[in-house]
Amino acid sequence: MPLTTSAAAEEFADLVNAPVIQRRWVTVATGGHVGGVFWHTHKPALVLLHDAGSSARAWDEVLLALDRPAVALDLPGHGRSSRRGKGDYRPRRLAAALEETVRSFAQGGVPVVGLGFGALAAIAMKAKFPHSAGRLVLVDALPGVLSPGLRLWPTPSPVFANPDEAAAWLDARGAADAARTAELETEQAADGTWAWRHHLGSLPADAPTVLGDETLWQQLASLQASLLIRTDGGPLDTASVARFGAEVPDGEIVTIEATPSALADALRPLTH
C-alpha cells in the first residue's frame, strides 16, 4: 500500500491547523490499482465516491469543512486509479474492486457516501458485499437519474492545447466549476497536448456506455436504512425521491443547500 503526500496537502498547506492529507494505492484482484486520498491520520470514519468524470479531489471542500478522518477514492478509470482496457465502468462491474479497496482502507461498517455516478457504484457494492460497508449514503443520485457527470460522459473529447481550452470545453457544456475541474482532471501527454485523466472521455468504440443503471433500484430496495441527501436545485426530481421513500426500507431523506459546508454538516453525524 504505497503512500505519498497528496496534491491536496500542498494546496491547503498554508491554512492554520492544515490537515494531514496523503494518497495511498491498493492493487486489486480484478486488475490494476485503486487510489484514495486520506484526510487526517486516524482510521477513516467515512468512505467517499465521486461522480463520473471526476476524482477523489472533488471532495476537497467538503472534507475540509467536515474536518473528520475520511478517505475519498478515485473510482476505477478516474484520477490516479487504473483504467480498464475494455472501458467497462458499469456500476456492477466496479463493485468487486471497490469492495476490496474499502476493505483495505477502512474498517468494516464505515459508511460509504456516493455522489452522482459514485452513488450507483456504492449501491452495487453494498448490495453485493453487504458486510464490507456501513450505512449507504446517496448524494443527489438515484438509479436511472443522470447525474451531472453522466450528462457529460461518456462523450468523445478532443485533446487540448492547455487546461484553459479544457475548461472552455467543459463550460460550453454547462459544467460547474469548469476551471478547477480542468486543472485537476487533465494531464499533459508526451507530445505536449492535454487530455482528461479519466477514461470516459476516450472510451473504446465498443465500450459499454449505459452507466445510469436503473435496474439498481432492486438492489437499493434490498438495503436497510439508506440515507438520501438531495440538494436544493439538484438533479433529483420529485417522482424519483418519492419512489425512494416508498421502496427503501427505513430510508431517510434530507434536503440541504447546495454548498460544501451544508453537505459536511449533513455527513458529520455519521462520523461519530
C-alpha atoms as a PDB file:
ATOM      1  CA  MET A   1       0.000   0.000   0.000  1.00  0.00           C
ATOM      2  CA  PRO A   2       2.260   2.862  -1.210  1.00  0.00           C
ATOM      3  CA  LEU A   3       1.789   6.226   0.470  1.00  0.00           C
ATOM      4  CA  THR A   4       2.658   9.702  -0.838  1.00  0.00           C
ATOM      5  CA  THR A   5       1.776  13.268   0.050  1.00  0.00           C
ATOM      6  CA  SER A   6      -1.396  14.316  -1.761  1.00  0.00           C
ATOM      7  CA  ALA A   7      -1.531  17.355  -4.016  1.00  0.00           C
ATOM      8  CA  ALA A   8      -4.395  18.475  -1.791  1.00  0.00           C
ATOM      9  CA  ALA A   9      -1.949  18.725   1.109  1.00  0.00           C
ATOM     10  CA  GLU A  10       0.128  21.223  -0.867  1.00  0.00           C
ATOM     11  CA  GLU A  11      -2.961  23.225  -1.819  1.00  0.00           C
ATOM     12  CA  PHE A  12      -4.080  23.616   1.798  1.00  0.00           C
ATOM     13  CA  ALA A  13      -0.634  23.773   3.438  1.00  0.00           C
ATOM     14  CA  ASP A  14      -0.938  27.482   4.291  1.00  0.00           C
ATOM     15  CA  LEU A  15      -4.087  27.026   6.363  1.00  0.00           C
ATOM     16  CA  VAL A  16      -3.894  27.290  10.139  1.00  0.00           C
ATOM     17  CA  ASN A  17      -4.050  23.726  11.509  1.00  0.00           C
ATOM     18  CA  ALA A  18      -3.789  22.347   7.979  1.00  0.00           C
ATOM     19  CA  PRO A  19      -4.992  18.729   7.839  1.00  0.00           C
ATOM     20  CA  VAL A  20      -2.631  15.850   7.086  1.00  0.00           C
ATOM     21  CA  ILE A  21      -3.627  14.637   3.612  1.00  0.00           C
ATOM     22  CA  GLN A  22      -1.977  11.610   1.999  1.00  0.00           C
ATOM     23  CA  ARG A  23      -2.532   9.398  -1.034  1.00  0.00           C
ATOM     24  CA  ARG A  24      -2.427   5.600  -1.000  1.00  0.00           C
ATOM     25  CA  TRP A  25      -2.991   2.853  -3.556  1.00  0.00           C
ATOM     26  CA  VAL A  26      -4.036  -0.778  -3.331  1.00  0.00           C
ATOM     27  CA  THR A  27      -3.612  -3.419  -6.045  1.00  0.00           C
ATOM     28  CA  VAL A  28      -6.951  -5.191  -6.566  1.00  0.00           C
ATOM     29  CA  ALA A  29      -7.684  -8.719  -7.733  1.00  0.00           C
ATOM     30  CA  THR A  30      -9.709  -7.511 -10.719  1.00  0.00           C
ATOM     31  CA  GLY A  31      -6.571  -5.875 -12.113  1.00  0.00           C
ATOM     32  CA  GLY A  32      -4.681  -2.644 -11.690  1.00  0.00           C
ATOM     33  CA  HIS A  33      -4.851  -0.412  -8.647  1.00  0.00           C
ATOM     34  CA  VAL A  34      -7.326   1.894  -6.937  1.00  0.00           C
ATOM     35  CA  GLY A  35      -6.167   5.044  -5.188  1.00  0.00           C
ATOM     36  CA  GLY A  36      -7.517   7.026  -2.280  1.00  0.00           C
ATOM     37  CA  VAL A  37      -6.881  10.396  -0.665  1.00  0.00           C
ATOM     38  CA  PHE A  38      -6.790  10.151   3.135  1.00  0.00           C
ATOM     39  CA  TRP A  39      -7.761  13.115   5.276  1.00  0.00           C
ATOM     40  CA  HIS A  40      -6.253  13.135   8.782  1.00  0.00           C
ATOM     41  CA  THR A  41      -4.204  10.345  10.334  1.00  0.00           C
ATOM     42  CA  HIS A  42      -6.831   8.334  12.212  1.00  0.00           C
ATOM     43  CA  LYS A  43      -8.738   5.457  10.661  1.00  0.00           C
ATOM     44  CA  PRO A  44     -11.326   6.784   8.199  1.00  0.00           C
ATOM     45  CA  ALA A  45     -14.835   7.329   9.532  1.00  0.00           C
ATOM     46  CA  LEU A  46     -16.248   7.730   6.008  1.00  0.00           C
ATOM     47  CA  VAL A  47     -15.511   6.441   2.511  1.00  0.00           C
ATOM     48  CA  LEU A  48     -16.486   8.800  -0.316  1.00  0.00           C
ATOM     49  CA  LEU A  49     -17.037   8.058  -4.028  1.00  0.00           C
ATOM     50  CA  HIS A  50     -17.140  10.858  -6.617  1.00  0.00           C
ATOM     51  CA  ASP A  51     -19.243  11.438  -9.726  1.00  0.00           C
ATOM     52  CA  ALA A  52     -18.346  10.302 -13.256  1.00  0.00           C
ATOM     53  CA  GLY A  53     -15.506  12.174 -14.970  1.00  0.00           C
ATOM     54  CA  SER A  54     -14.194  13.487 -11.665  1.00  0.00           C
ATOM     55  CA  SER A  55     -11.883  12.176  -8.935  1.00  0.00           C
ATOM     56  CA  ALA A  56     -11.297  11.997  -5.193  1.00  0.00           C
ATOM     57  CA  ARG A  57     -10.290  15.675  -5.294  1.00  0.00           C
ATOM     58  CA  ALA A  58     -13.942  16.593  -5.914  1.00  0.00           C
ATOM     59  CA  TRP A  59     -14.470  16.095  -2.168  1.00  0.00           C
ATOM     60  CA  ASP A  60     -11.757  18.564  -1.046  1.00  0.00           C
ATOM     61  CA  GLU A  61     -14.012  21.411   0.055  1.00  0.00           C
ATOM     62  CA  VAL A  62     -16.489  19.085   1.780  1.00  0.00           C
ATOM     63  CA  LEU A  63     -13.744  17.241   3.654  1.00  0.00           C
ATOM     64  CA  LEU A  64     -12.025  20.471   4.622  1.00  0.00           C
ATOM     65  CA  ALA A  65     -15.295  21.675   6.150  1.00  0.00           C
ATOM     66  CA  LEU A  66     -16.044  18.269   7.689  1.00  0.00           C
ATOM     67  CA  ASP A  67     -12.669  18.052   9.485  1.00  0.00           C
ATOM     68  CA  ARG A  68     -13.016  14.329  10.241  1.00  0.00           C
ATOM     69  CA  PRO A  69     -10.900  11.325   9.245  1.00  0.00           C
ATOM     70  CA  ALA A  70     -12.090  10.090   5.847  1.00  0.00           C
ATOM     71  CA  VAL A  71     -10.872   8.566   2.601  1.00  0.00           C
ATOM     72  CA  ALA A  72     -12.040   9.710  -0.833  1.00  0.00           C
ATOM     73  CA  LEU A  73     -11.449   7.117  -3.553  1.00  0.00           C
ATOM     74  CA  ASP A  74     -10.637   7.522  -7.221  1.00  0.00           C
ATOM     75  CA  LEU A  75     -13.100   5.247  -8.993  1.00  0.00           C
ATOM     76  CA  PRO A  76     -11.516   2.801 -11.469  1.00  0.00           C
ATOM     77  CA  GLY A  77     -10.653   4.664 -14.651  1.00  0.00           C
ATOM     78  CA  HIS A  78     -10.578   8.017 -12.844  1.00  0.00           C
ATOM     79  CA  GLY A  79      -7.954  10.169 -11.162  1.00  0.00           C
ATOM     80  CA  ARG A  80      -4.897   8.071 -10.298  1.00  0.00           C
ATOM     81  CA  SER A  81      -6.707   4.712 -10.402  1.00  0.00           C
ATOM     82  CA  SER A  82      -6.028   2.271 -13.239  1.00  0.00           C
ATOM     83  CA  ARG A  83      -8.049   2.306 -16.424  1.00  0.00           C
ATOM     84  CA  ARG A  84      -9.858  -0.761 -17.703  1.00  0.00           C
ATOM     85  CA  GLY A  85      -8.722  -1.827 -21.147  1.00  0.00           C
ATOM     86  CA  LYS A  86     -12.235  -2.608 -22.394  1.00  0.00           C
ATOM     87  CA  GLY A  87     -13.670   0.539 -20.858  1.00  0.00           C
ATOM     88  CA  ASP A  88     -16.351  -1.234 -18.823  1.00  0.00           C
ATOM     89  CA  TYR A  89     -17.298   1.098 -15.986  1.00  0.00           C
ATOM     90  CA  ARG A  90     -20.841  -0.060 -15.353  1.00  0.00           C
ATOM     91  CA  PRO A  91     -21.601   0.206 -11.610  1.00  0.00           C
ATOM     92  CA  ARG A  92     -21.972  -3.552 -11.115  1.00  0.00           C
ATOM     93  CA  ARG A  93     -18.577  -4.098 -12.756  1.00  0.00           C
ATOM     94  CA  LEU A  94     -16.916  -1.776 -10.241  1.00  0.00           C
ATOM     95  CA  ALA A  95     -18.366  -3.436  -7.144  1.00  0.00           C
ATOM     96  CA  ALA A  96     -15.628  -6.032  -6.530  1.00  0.00           C
ATOM     97  CA  ALA A  97     -12.710  -3.604  -6.947  1.00  0.00           C
ATOM     98  CA  LEU A  98     -14.371  -1.027  -4.711  1.00  0.00           C
ATOM     99  CA  GLU A  99     -15.203  -3.597  -2.034  1.00  0.00           C
ATOM    100  CA  GLU A 100     -11.602  -4.787  -1.920  1.00  0.00           C
ATOM    101  CA  THR A 101     -10.384  -1.202  -1.691  1.00  0.00           C
ATOM    102  CA  VAL A 102     -12.834  -0.241   1.041  1.00  0.00           C
ATOM    103  CA  ARG A 103     -11.861  -3.349   3.000  1.00  0.00           C
ATOM    104  CA  SER A 104      -8.174  -2.434   2.655  1.00  0.00           C
ATOM    105  CA  PHE A 105      -8.553   1.234   3.539  1.00  0.00           C
ATOM    106  CA  ALA A 106     -11.272   1.314   6.190  1.00  0.00           C
ATOM    107  CA  GLN A 107     -12.688  -0.849   8.957  1.00  0.00           C
ATOM    108  CA  GLY A 108     -15.878  -2.785   8.318  1.00  0.00           C
ATOM    109  CA  GLY A 109     -19.031  -0.866   8.998  1.00  0.00           C
ATOM    110  CA  VAL A 110     -17.771   2.528   7.811  1.00  0.00           C
ATOM    111  CA  PRO A 111     -20.497   4.460   5.948  1.00  0.00           C
ATOM    112  CA  VAL A 112     -19.991   4.805   2.203  1.00  0.00           C
ATOM    113  CA  VAL A 113     -21.036   8.118   0.637  1.00  0.00           C
ATOM    114  CA  GLY A 114     -21.606   8.243  -3.116  1.00  0.00           C
ATOM    115  CA  LEU A 115     -22.107  11.362  -5.237  1.00  0.00           C
ATOM    116  CA  GLY A 116     -23.740  11.025  -8.657  1.00  0.00           C
ATOM    117  CA  PHE A 117     -22.332   8.031 -10.507  1.00  0.00           C
ATOM    118  CA  GLY A 118     -20.341   7.145  -7.383  1.00  0.00           C
ATOM    119  CA  ALA A 119     -23.655   6.585  -5.616  1.00  0.00           C
ATOM    120  CA  LEU A 120     -24.667   3.976  -8.204  1.00  0.00           C
ATOM    121  CA  ALA A 121     -21.338   2.207  -7.734  1.00  0.00           C
ATOM    122  CA  ALA A 122     -21.887   2.333  -3.963  1.00  0.00           C
ATOM    123  CA  ILE A 123     -25.330   0.719  -4.328  1.00  0.00           C
ATOM    124  CA  ALA A 124     -23.853  -2.098  -6.417  1.00  0.00           C
ATOM    125  CA  MET A 125     -21.015  -2.657  -3.953  1.00  0.00           C
ATOM    126  CA  LYS A 126     -23.180  -2.570  -0.833  1.00  0.00           C
ATOM    127  CA  ALA A 127     -25.760  -4.943  -2.338  1.00  0.00           C
ATOM    128  CA  LYS A 128     -23.140  -7.496  -3.402  1.00  0.00           C
ATOM    129  CA  PHE A 129     -20.949  -7.170  -0.284  1.00  0.00           C
ATOM    130  CA  PRO A 130     -23.342  -6.062   2.471  1.00  0.00           C
ATOM    131  CA  HIS A 131     -20.897  -6.560   5.343  1.00  0.00           C
ATOM    132  CA  SER A 132     -17.968  -4.633   3.878  1.00  0.00           C
ATOM    133  CA  ALA A 133     -19.511  -1.215   4.376  1.00  0.00           C
ATOM    134  CA  GLY A 134     -21.823   0.509   6.805  1.00  0.00           C
ATOM    135  CA  ARG A 135     -24.692   2.805   6.025  1.00  0.00           C
ATOM    136  CA  LEU A 136     -25.205   3.731   2.385  1.00  0.00           C
ATOM    137  CA  VAL A 137     -25.440   7.475   1.718  1.00  0.00           C
ATOM    138  CA  LEU A 138     -26.544   8.732  -1.694  1.00  0.00           C
ATOM    139  CA  VAL A 139     -25.912  12.363  -2.637  1.00  0.00           C
ATOM    140  CA  ASP A 140     -28.051  13.763  -5.462  1.00  0.00           C
ATOM    141  CA  ALA A 141     -28.308  10.370  -7.144  1.00  0.00           C
ATOM    142  CA  LEU A 142     -30.737   7.522  -7.668  1.00  0.00           C
ATOM    143  CA  PRO A 143     -30.827   4.729 -10.263  1.00  0.00           C
ATOM    144  CA  GLY A 144     -31.995   5.946 -13.651  1.00  0.00           C
ATOM    145  CA  VAL A 145     -31.358   9.635 -12.878  1.00  0.00           C
ATOM    146  CA  LEU A 146     -28.469  11.019 -14.918  1.00  0.00           C
ATOM    147  CA  SER A 147     -26.016  12.819 -12.667  1.00  0.00           C
ATOM    148  CA  PRO A 148     -24.181  15.946 -13.845  1.00  0.00           C
ATOM    149  CA  GLY A 149     -21.153  13.767 -14.573  1.00  0.00           C
ATOM    150  CA  LEU A 150     -23.098  11.261 -16.625  1.00  0.00           C
ATOM    151  CA  ARG A 151     -24.640  14.070 -18.668  1.00  0.00           C
ATOM    152  CA  LEU A 152     -21.129  14.927 -19.868  1.00  0.00           C
ATOM    153  CA  TRP A 153     -19.617  11.445 -20.132  1.00  0.00           C
ATOM    154  CA  PRO A 154     -19.065   9.261 -21.970  1.00  0.00           C
ATOM    155  CA  THR A 155     -18.584  11.866 -24.674  1.00  0.00           C
ATOM    156  CA  PRO A 156     -15.751  11.727 -27.213  1.00  0.00           C
ATOM    157  CA  SER A 157     -13.496  14.582 -26.172  1.00  0.00           C
ATOM    158  CA  PRO A 158     -10.809  16.330 -28.176  1.00  0.00           C
ATOM    159  CA  VAL A 159      -7.309  16.842 -26.893  1.00  0.00           C
ATOM    160  CA  PHE A 160      -6.419  20.367 -25.812  1.00  0.00           C
ATOM    161  CA  ALA A 161      -3.508  22.739 -26.143  1.00  0.00           C
ATOM    162  CA  ASN A 162      -3.728  23.600 -22.440  1.00  0.00           C
ATOM    163  CA  PRO A 163      -6.053  23.239 -19.419  1.00  0.00           C
ATOM    164  CA  ASP A 164      -7.745  26.558 -20.275  1.00  0.00           C
ATOM    165  CA  GLU A 165      -9.060  25.015 -23.505  1.00  0.00           C
ATOM    166  CA  ALA A 166     -10.341  22.042 -21.493  1.00  0.00           C
ATOM    167  CA  ALA A 167     -12.098  24.422 -19.087  1.00  0.00           C
ATOM    168  CA  ALA A 168     -13.745  26.233 -22.003  1.00  0.00           C
ATOM    169  CA  TRP A 169     -14.899  22.883 -23.433  1.00  0.00           C
ATOM    170  CA  LEU A 170     -16.481  21.985 -20.087  1.00  0.00           C
ATOM    171  CA  ASP A 171     -18.004  25.420 -19.622  1.00  0.00           C
ATOM    172  CA  ALA A 172     -19.681  25.234 -23.029  1.00  0.00           C
ATOM    173  CA  ARG A 173     -21.394  22.046 -21.856  1.00  0.00           C
ATOM    174  CA  GLY A 174     -22.727  23.617 -18.673  1.00  0.00           C
ATOM    175  CA  ALA A 175     -20.295  22.009 -16.250  1.00  0.00           C
ATOM    176  CA  ALA A 176     -19.953  23.601 -12.832  1.00  0.00           C
ATOM    177  CA  ASP A 177     -16.544  24.811 -11.623  1.00  0.00           C
ATOM    178  CA  ALA A 178     -15.042  24.123 -15.051  1.00  0.00           C
ATOM    179  CA  ALA A 179     -11.698  25.825 -14.384  1.00  0.00           C
ATOM    180  CA  ARG A 180     -10.878  23.819 -11.260  1.00  0.00           C
ATOM    181  CA  THR A 181     -12.101  20.595 -12.837  1.00  0.00           C
ATOM    182  CA  ALA A 182      -9.869  21.136 -15.859  1.00  0.00           C
ATOM    183  CA  GLU A 183      -6.903  21.947 -13.638  1.00  0.00           C
ATOM    184  CA  LEU A 184      -7.355  18.796 -11.549  1.00  0.00           C
ATOM    185  CA  GLU A 185      -8.559  16.336 -14.154  1.00  0.00           C
ATOM    186  CA  THR A 186      -6.260  16.905 -17.141  1.00  0.00           C
ATOM    187  CA  GLU A 187      -2.720  15.697 -17.743  1.00  0.00           C
ATOM    188  CA  GLN A 188      -0.105  16.510 -20.362  1.00  0.00           C
ATOM    189  CA  ALA A 189       0.985  13.903 -22.907  1.00  0.00           C
ATOM    190  CA  ALA A 190       4.473  13.477 -24.315  1.00  0.00           C
ATOM    191  CA  ASP A 191       3.504  15.474 -27.420  1.00  0.00           C
ATOM    192  CA  GLY A 192       2.532  18.483 -25.298  1.00  0.00           C
ATOM    193  CA  THR A 193      -1.245  18.142 -25.630  1.00  0.00           C
ATOM    194  CA  TRP A 194      -3.589  17.826 -22.679  1.00  0.00           C
ATOM    195  CA  ALA A 195      -6.337  15.240 -22.140  1.00  0.00           C
ATOM    196  CA  TRP A 196      -8.553  14.004 -19.321  1.00  0.00           C
ATOM    197  CA  ARG A 197      -7.130  11.797 -16.611  1.00  0.00           C
ATOM    198  CA  HIS A 198     -10.356   9.808 -16.583  1.00  0.00           C
ATOM    199  CA  HIS A 199     -11.104   7.225 -19.268  1.00  0.00           C
ATOM    200  CA  LEU A 200     -14.652   8.328 -20.055  1.00  0.00           C
ATOM    201  CA  GLY A 201     -13.518  10.995 -22.485  1.00  0.00           C
ATOM    202  CA  SER A 202     -11.718   8.486 -24.699  1.00  0.00           C
ATOM    203  CA  LEU A 203     -13.512   5.158 -24.333  1.00  0.00           C
ATOM    204  CA  PRO A 204     -13.072   2.410 -26.940  1.00  0.00           C
ATOM    205  CA  ALA A 205     -15.823   2.390 -29.564  1.00  0.00           C
ATOM    206  CA  ASP A 206     -17.235  -0.899 -28.251  1.00  0.00           C
ATOM    207  CA  ALA A 207     -17.209   0.069 -24.557  1.00  0.00           C
ATOM    208  CA  PRO A 208     -20.485  -0.228 -22.605  1.00  0.00           C
ATOM    209  CA  THR A 209     -21.988   3.246 -22.309  1.00  0.00           C
ATOM    210  CA  VAL A 210     -25.185   2.634 -20.314  1.00  0.00           C
ATOM    211  CA  LEU A 211     -23.844   3.773 -16.953  1.00  0.00           C
ATOM    212  CA  GLY A 212     -27.033   5.091 -15.305  1.00  0.00           C
ATOM    213  CA  ASP A 213     -28.253   1.604 -14.354  1.00  0.00           C
ATOM    214  CA  GLU A 214     -31.958   1.873 -13.479  1.00  0.00           C
ATOM    215  CA  THR A 215     -32.058  -1.832 -12.549  1.00  0.00           C
ATOM    216  CA  LEU A 216     -30.122  -0.932  -9.392  1.00  0.00           C
ATOM    217  CA  TRP A 217     -33.473   0.029  -7.835  1.00  0.00           C
ATOM    218  CA  GLN A 218     -33.938  -3.628  -6.902  1.00  0.00           C
ATOM    219  CA  GLN A 219     -30.591  -3.693  -5.122  1.00  0.00           C
ATOM    220  CA  LEU A 220     -31.269  -0.386  -3.391  1.00  0.00           C
ATOM    221  CA  ALA A 221     -34.646  -1.616  -2.164  1.00  0.00           C
ATOM    222  CA  SER A 222     -32.911  -4.604  -0.561  1.00  0.00           C
ATOM    223  CA  LEU A 223     -30.756  -2.376   1.663  1.00  0.00           C
ATOM    224  CA  GLN A 224     -31.865  -1.139   5.044  1.00  0.00           C
ATOM    225  CA  ALA A 225     -31.732   2.437   6.330  1.00  0.00           C
ATOM    226  CA  SER A 226     -30.094   4.124   3.364  1.00  0.00           C
ATOM    227  CA  LEU A 227     -29.790   7.899   3.528  1.00  0.00           C
ATOM    228  CA  LEU A 228     -30.611  10.122   0.553  1.00  0.00           C
ATOM    229  CA  ILE A 229     -29.183  13.647   0.652  1.00  0.00           C
ATOM    230  CA  ARG A 230     -30.636  15.940  -2.004  1.00  0.00           C
ATOM    231  CA  THR A 231     -29.577  19.497  -2.638  1.00  0.00           C
ATOM    232  CA  ASP A 232     -31.893  22.376  -3.464  1.00  0.00           C
ATOM    233  CA  GLY A 233     -31.989  22.692  -7.235  1.00  0.00           C
ATOM    234  CA  GLY A 234     -30.165  19.383  -7.680  1.00  0.00           C
ATOM    235  CA  PRO A 235     -30.777  16.725 -10.358  1.00  0.00           C
ATOM    236  CA  LEU A 236     -33.334  14.605  -8.484  1.00  0.00           C
ATOM    237  CA  ASP A 237     -36.970  15.022  -9.473  1.00  0.00           C
ATOM    238  CA  THR A 238     -39.933  14.677  -7.152  1.00  0.00           C
ATOM    239  CA  ALA A 239     -41.027  11.328  -8.602  1.00  0.00           C
ATOM    240  CA  SER A 240     -37.628   9.702  -8.012  1.00  0.00           C
ATOM    241  CA  VAL A 241     -37.448  10.955  -4.442  1.00  0.00           C
ATOM    242  CA  ALA A 242     -40.977   9.689  -3.775  1.00  0.00           C
ATOM    243  CA  ARG A 243     -40.002   6.289  -5.175  1.00  0.00           C
ATOM    244  CA  PHE A 244     -37.051   6.160  -2.778  1.00  0.00           C
ATOM    245  CA  GLY A 245     -39.385   6.905   0.120  1.00  0.00           C
ATOM    246  CA  ALA A 246     -41.787   4.172  -0.952  1.00  0.00           C
ATOM    247  CA  GLU A 247     -39.341   1.412  -1.852  1.00  0.00           C
ATOM    248  CA  VAL A 248     -36.366   1.733   0.512  1.00  0.00           C
ATOM    249  CA  PRO A 249     -36.967   0.227   3.972  1.00  0.00           C
ATOM    250  CA  ASP A 250     -36.279   2.724   6.752  1.00  0.00           C
ATOM    251  CA  GLY A 251     -34.807   5.124   4.205  1.00  0.00           C
ATOM    252  CA  GLU A 252     -34.171   8.694   5.274  1.00  0.00           C
ATOM    253  CA  ILE A 253     -34.330  11.783   3.070  1.00  0.00           C
ATOM    254  CA  VAL A 254     -32.540  15.030   3.939  1.00  0.00           C
ATOM    255  CA  THR A 255     -32.665  18.199   1.839  1.00  0.00           C
ATOM    256  CA  ILE A 256     -29.796  20.676   2.132  1.00  0.00           C
ATOM    257  CA  GLU A 257     -28.391  23.782   0.467  1.00  0.00           C
ATOM    258  CA  ALA A 258     -26.008  23.073  -2.409  1.00  0.00           C
ATOM    259  CA  THR A 259     -22.834  24.086  -0.566  1.00  0.00           C
ATOM    260  CA  PRO A 260     -19.818  22.087   0.670  1.00  0.00           C
ATOM    261  CA  SER A 261     -20.401  23.238   4.256  1.00  0.00           C
ATOM    262  CA  ALA A 262     -24.046  22.123   4.213  1.00  0.00           C
ATOM    263  CA  LEU A 263     -23.050  18.695   2.909  1.00  0.00           C
ATOM    264  CA  ALA A 264     -20.314  18.478   5.544  1.00  0.00           C
ATOM    265  CA  ASP A 265     -22.878  19.284   8.241  1.00  0.00           C
ATOM    266  CA  ALA A 266     -25.179  16.531   6.915  1.00  0.00           C
ATOM    267  CA  LEU A 267     -22.331  13.979   6.942  1.00  0.00           C
ATOM    268  CA  ARG A 268     -20.815  14.880  10.315  1.00  0.00           C
ATOM    269  CA  PRO A 269     -23.287  12.863  12.461  1.00  0.00           C
ATOM    270  CA  LEU A 270     -22.276   9.727  10.536  1.00  0.00           C
ATOM    271  CA  THR A 271     -18.694  10.029  11.787  1.00  0.00           C
ATOM    272  CA  HIS A 272     -19.439   9.548  15.480  1.00  0.00           C
END
